[in-house]
């Protein structure tokens, strides 16, 4: 692991010579920062969460999101399947069509991890496909149109909770 060097800002004045020590910390500190070296500033993740239908803002500087979700089928006369769906917006007021990302059978529970890339609109999901005597894991992919410039996402589901982790761009807010 690379060591973090706390820069002496008194030696970084205009006109001061560029020494090998200065070049060394300028080259190594970004690596030490990424590795989480002792003394290095910490990079914080932006984590937001919600349940049922929730709109998330403040993600315009990010290139995608990872969604960790838990779905519970209603059962007892509810719909045969419940799903987690997503819609994107570039202005926070107009959203595209809700696209299902993961489903769960009535009376069953599933957990899902989904990544949506705003640049390409492609999404990938892995989730537990257990229930009704079936067990295993599912992997699905798809594409959502109109995701370039996304500033808001809307997640929707009847009986679902989730944590959203924006990816790329800003580190926290």
Protein backbone atom coordinates (compact mmCIF):
# COMPACT_ATOMS: atom_id res chain seq x y z
CA UNK A 1 0.00 0.00 0.00
CA UNK A 2 1.24 3.47 -0.86
CA UNK A 3 1.78 5.89 2.04
CA UNK A 4 -0.19 9.13 2.24
CA UNK A 5 2.02 12.22 2.49
CA UNK A 6 0.37 15.31 3.96
CA UNK A 7 1.56 18.14 1.74
CA UNK A 8 3.27 21.16 3.30
CA UNK A 9 1.37 23.95 1.58
CA UNK A 10 4.06 26.42 2.63
CA UNK A 11 6.34 24.75 0.07
CA UNK A 12 3.80 24.97 -2.74
CA UNK A 13 3.94 28.68 -3.42
CA UNK A 14 4.13 30.17 -6.92
CA UNK A 15 7.71 30.29 -8.13
CA UNK A 16 8.97 27.61 -5.71
CA UNK A 17 11.08 24.93 -7.39
CA UNK A 18 9.52 21.59 -8.29
CA UNK A 19 11.51 19.09 -6.25
CA UNK A 20 11.52 15.30 -6.45
CA UNK A 21 9.79 15.17 -3.03
CA UNK A 22 6.91 17.30 -4.36
CA UNK A 23 6.59 15.18 -7.50
CA UNK A 24 6.63 12.00 -5.40
CA UNK A 25 3.71 13.03 -3.20
CA UNK A 26 1.81 14.40 -6.22
CA UNK A 27 2.23 11.01 -7.92
CA UNK A 28 1.62 8.76 -4.90
CA UNK A 29 -1.14 10.59 -3.00
CA UNK A 30 -3.90 9.77 -5.53
CA UNK A 31 -2.95 6.09 -5.21
CA UNK A 32 -2.82 6.29 -1.40
CA UNK A 33 -6.23 8.01 -1.44
CA UNK A 34 -7.76 5.23 -3.56
CA UNK A 35 -6.20 2.54 -1.35
CA UNK A 36 -7.48 4.14 1.86
CA UNK A 37 -4.00 4.64 3.33
CA UNK A 38 -3.61 5.80 6.93
CA UNK A 39 -3.95 9.58 7.11
CA UNK A 40 -5.51 9.90 3.65
CA UNK A 41 -8.90 11.59 3.32
CA UNK A 42 -11.71 9.04 3.06
CA UNK A 43 -13.88 8.78 -0.04
CA UNK A 44 -17.51 8.64 1.08
CA UNK A 45 -20.25 6.83 -0.81
CA UNK A 46 -23.56 8.52 -1.45
CA UNK A 47 -26.22 6.10 -0.19
CA UNK A 48 -29.93 6.85 -0.43
CA UNK A 49 -32.84 4.57 0.39
CA UNK A 50 -36.57 4.21 0.31
CA UNK A 51 -39.51 1.86 -0.03
CA UNK A 52 -42.53 1.36 -2.26
CA UNK A 53 -42.53 4.26 -4.77
CA UNK A 54 -39.78 6.83 -4.21
CA UNK A 55 -38.17 9.49 -6.40
CA UNK A 56 -34.46 10.14 -5.93
CA UNK A 57 -32.83 13.43 -6.93
CA UNK A 58 -29.25 14.67 -6.83
CA UNK A 59 -27.80 11.97 -9.06
CA UNK A 60 -27.09 14.13 -12.10
CA UNK A 61 -23.30 14.02 -11.62
CA UNK A 62 -23.22 10.22 -11.57
CA UNK A 63 -22.89 7.79 -14.46
CA UNK A 64 -25.14 5.07 -13.04
CA UNK A 65 -26.63 3.50 -9.92
CA UNK A 66 -26.46 0.22 -8.06
CA UNK A 67 -29.74 -0.74 -6.43
CA UNK A 68 -29.93 -3.25 -3.58
CA UNK A 69 -33.57 -4.32 -3.15
CA UNK A 70 -35.71 -6.69 -1.12
CA UNK A 71 -39.09 -7.63 -2.62
CA UNK A 72 -41.94 -9.37 -0.82
CA UNK A 73 -44.87 -10.77 -2.81
CA UNK A 74 -48.21 -9.79 -1.24
CA UNK A 75 -49.93 -13.17 -1.19
CA UNK A 76 -53.40 -13.65 0.29
CA UNK A 77 -55.37 -12.39 -2.69
CA UNK A 78 -52.76 -9.84 -3.81
CA UNK A 79 -51.33 -9.81 -7.31
CA UNK A 80 -49.67 -12.99 -8.58
CA UNK A 81 -46.38 -11.09 -8.95
CA UNK A 82 -44.91 -7.91 -7.52
CA UNK A 83 -41.99 -6.14 -9.16
CA UNK A 84 -39.41 -3.43 -8.72
CA UNK A 85 -39.57 -0.98 -11.62
CA UNK A 86 -37.54 2.09 -12.55
CA UNK A 87 -38.14 5.25 -14.57
CA UNK A 88 -35.59 7.99 -15.29
CA UNK A 89 -35.90 11.75 -15.72
CA UNK A 90 -33.64 14.51 -16.96
CA UNK A 91 -35.59 17.27 -15.20
CA UNK A 92 -37.30 15.73 -12.15
CA UNK A 93 -40.83 16.30 -13.39
CA UNK A 94 -41.19 14.18 -16.54
CA UNK A 95 -40.34 10.48 -16.20
CA UNK A 96 -40.08 7.76 -18.81
CA UNK A 97 -42.10 4.54 -18.70
CA UNK A 98 -41.58 2.32 -15.66
CA UNK A 99 -39.39 -0.65 -16.62
CA UNK A 100 -39.55 -3.81 -14.45
CA UNK A 101 -36.13 -4.89 -13.15
CA UNK A 102 -36.97 -7.76 -10.78
CA UNK A 103 -40.12 -9.70 -9.86
CA UNK A 104 -41.30 -11.85 -7.00
CA UNK A 105 -44.13 -14.38 -6.87
CA UNK A 106 -47.08 -13.90 -4.52
CA UNK A 107 -46.17 -14.82 -0.94
CA UNK A 108 -42.42 -15.14 -1.69
CA UNK A 109 -39.41 -12.91 -1.00
CA UNK A 110 -36.44 -12.07 -3.20
CA UNK A 111 -33.38 -9.90 -2.88
CA UNK A 112 -31.97 -8.20 -5.96
CA UNK A 113 -28.87 -6.26 -6.95
CA UNK A 114 -29.24 -4.14 -10.07
CA UNK A 115 -26.83 -1.86 -11.94
CA UNK A 116 -28.13 0.77 -14.38
CA UNK A 117 -25.63 2.58 -16.63
CA UNK A 118 -27.00 6.03 -17.53
CA UNK A 119 -24.68 6.38 -20.55
CA UNK A 120 -25.86 3.27 -22.38
CA UNK A 121 -29.20 2.68 -20.65
CA UNK A 122 -28.22 -0.94 -20.08
CA UNK A 123 -29.09 -2.67 -16.81
CA UNK A 124 -28.05 -5.94 -15.24
CA UNK A 125 -29.82 -7.64 -12.36
CA UNK A 126 -29.05 -10.64 -10.19
CA UNK A 127 -31.62 -11.95 -7.77
CA UNK A 128 -32.80 -14.94 -5.84
CA UNK A 129 -35.36 -16.80 -7.94
CA UNK A 130 -36.48 -19.00 -5.04
CA UNK A 131 -40.07 -19.68 -4.10
CA UNK A 132 -42.76 -22.29 -4.67
CA UNK A 133 -40.22 -25.10 -4.45
CA UNK A 134 -37.82 -23.46 -6.90
CA UNK A 135 -34.45 -22.21 -5.79
CA UNK A 136 -31.61 -20.62 -7.65
CA UNK A 137 -30.27 -17.35 -8.89
CA UNK A 138 -31.42 -15.32 -11.84
CA UNK A 139 -29.44 -12.98 -14.06
CA UNK A 140 -31.28 -10.63 -16.38
CA UNK A 141 -30.30 -7.73 -18.59
CA UNK A 142 -32.12 -5.07 -20.51
CA UNK A 143 -32.01 -1.52 -21.80
CA UNK A 144 -33.90 1.59 -20.80
CA UNK A 145 -34.11 4.39 -23.37
CA UNK A 146 -33.60 8.05 -22.52
CA UNK A 147 -31.13 7.66 -19.65
CA UNK A 148 -28.44 10.07 -20.90
CA UNK A 149 -28.52 13.16 -18.70
CA UNK A 150 -30.46 11.41 -15.92
CA UNK A 151 -30.88 13.66 -12.87
CA UNK A 152 -33.65 11.73 -11.07
CA UNK A 153 -34.83 8.13 -10.84
CA UNK A 154 -38.16 6.81 -9.65
CA UNK A 155 -38.29 3.31 -8.17
CA UNK A 156 -41.71 1.74 -7.83
CA UNK A 157 -43.06 -1.41 -6.25
CA UNK A 158 -45.85 -2.35 -3.88
CA UNK A 159 -43.91 -4.17 -1.20
CA UNK A 160 -40.25 -3.39 -1.81
CA UNK A 161 -37.43 -1.63 0.04
CA UNK A 162 -34.14 -0.55 -1.46
CA UNK A 163 -30.84 1.22 -1.05
CA UNK A 164 -29.46 3.13 -4.03
CA UNK A 165 -25.73 3.76 -4.49
CA UNK A 166 -24.85 6.19 -7.31
CA UNK A 167 -21.67 5.29 -9.21
CA UNK A 168 -19.01 7.46 -10.88
CA UNK A 169 -18.73 11.21 -10.68
CA UNK A 170 -19.20 12.74 -7.23
CA UNK A 171 -18.13 10.83 -4.14
CA UNK A 172 -20.71 12.10 -1.65
CA UNK A 173 -23.11 14.86 -0.77
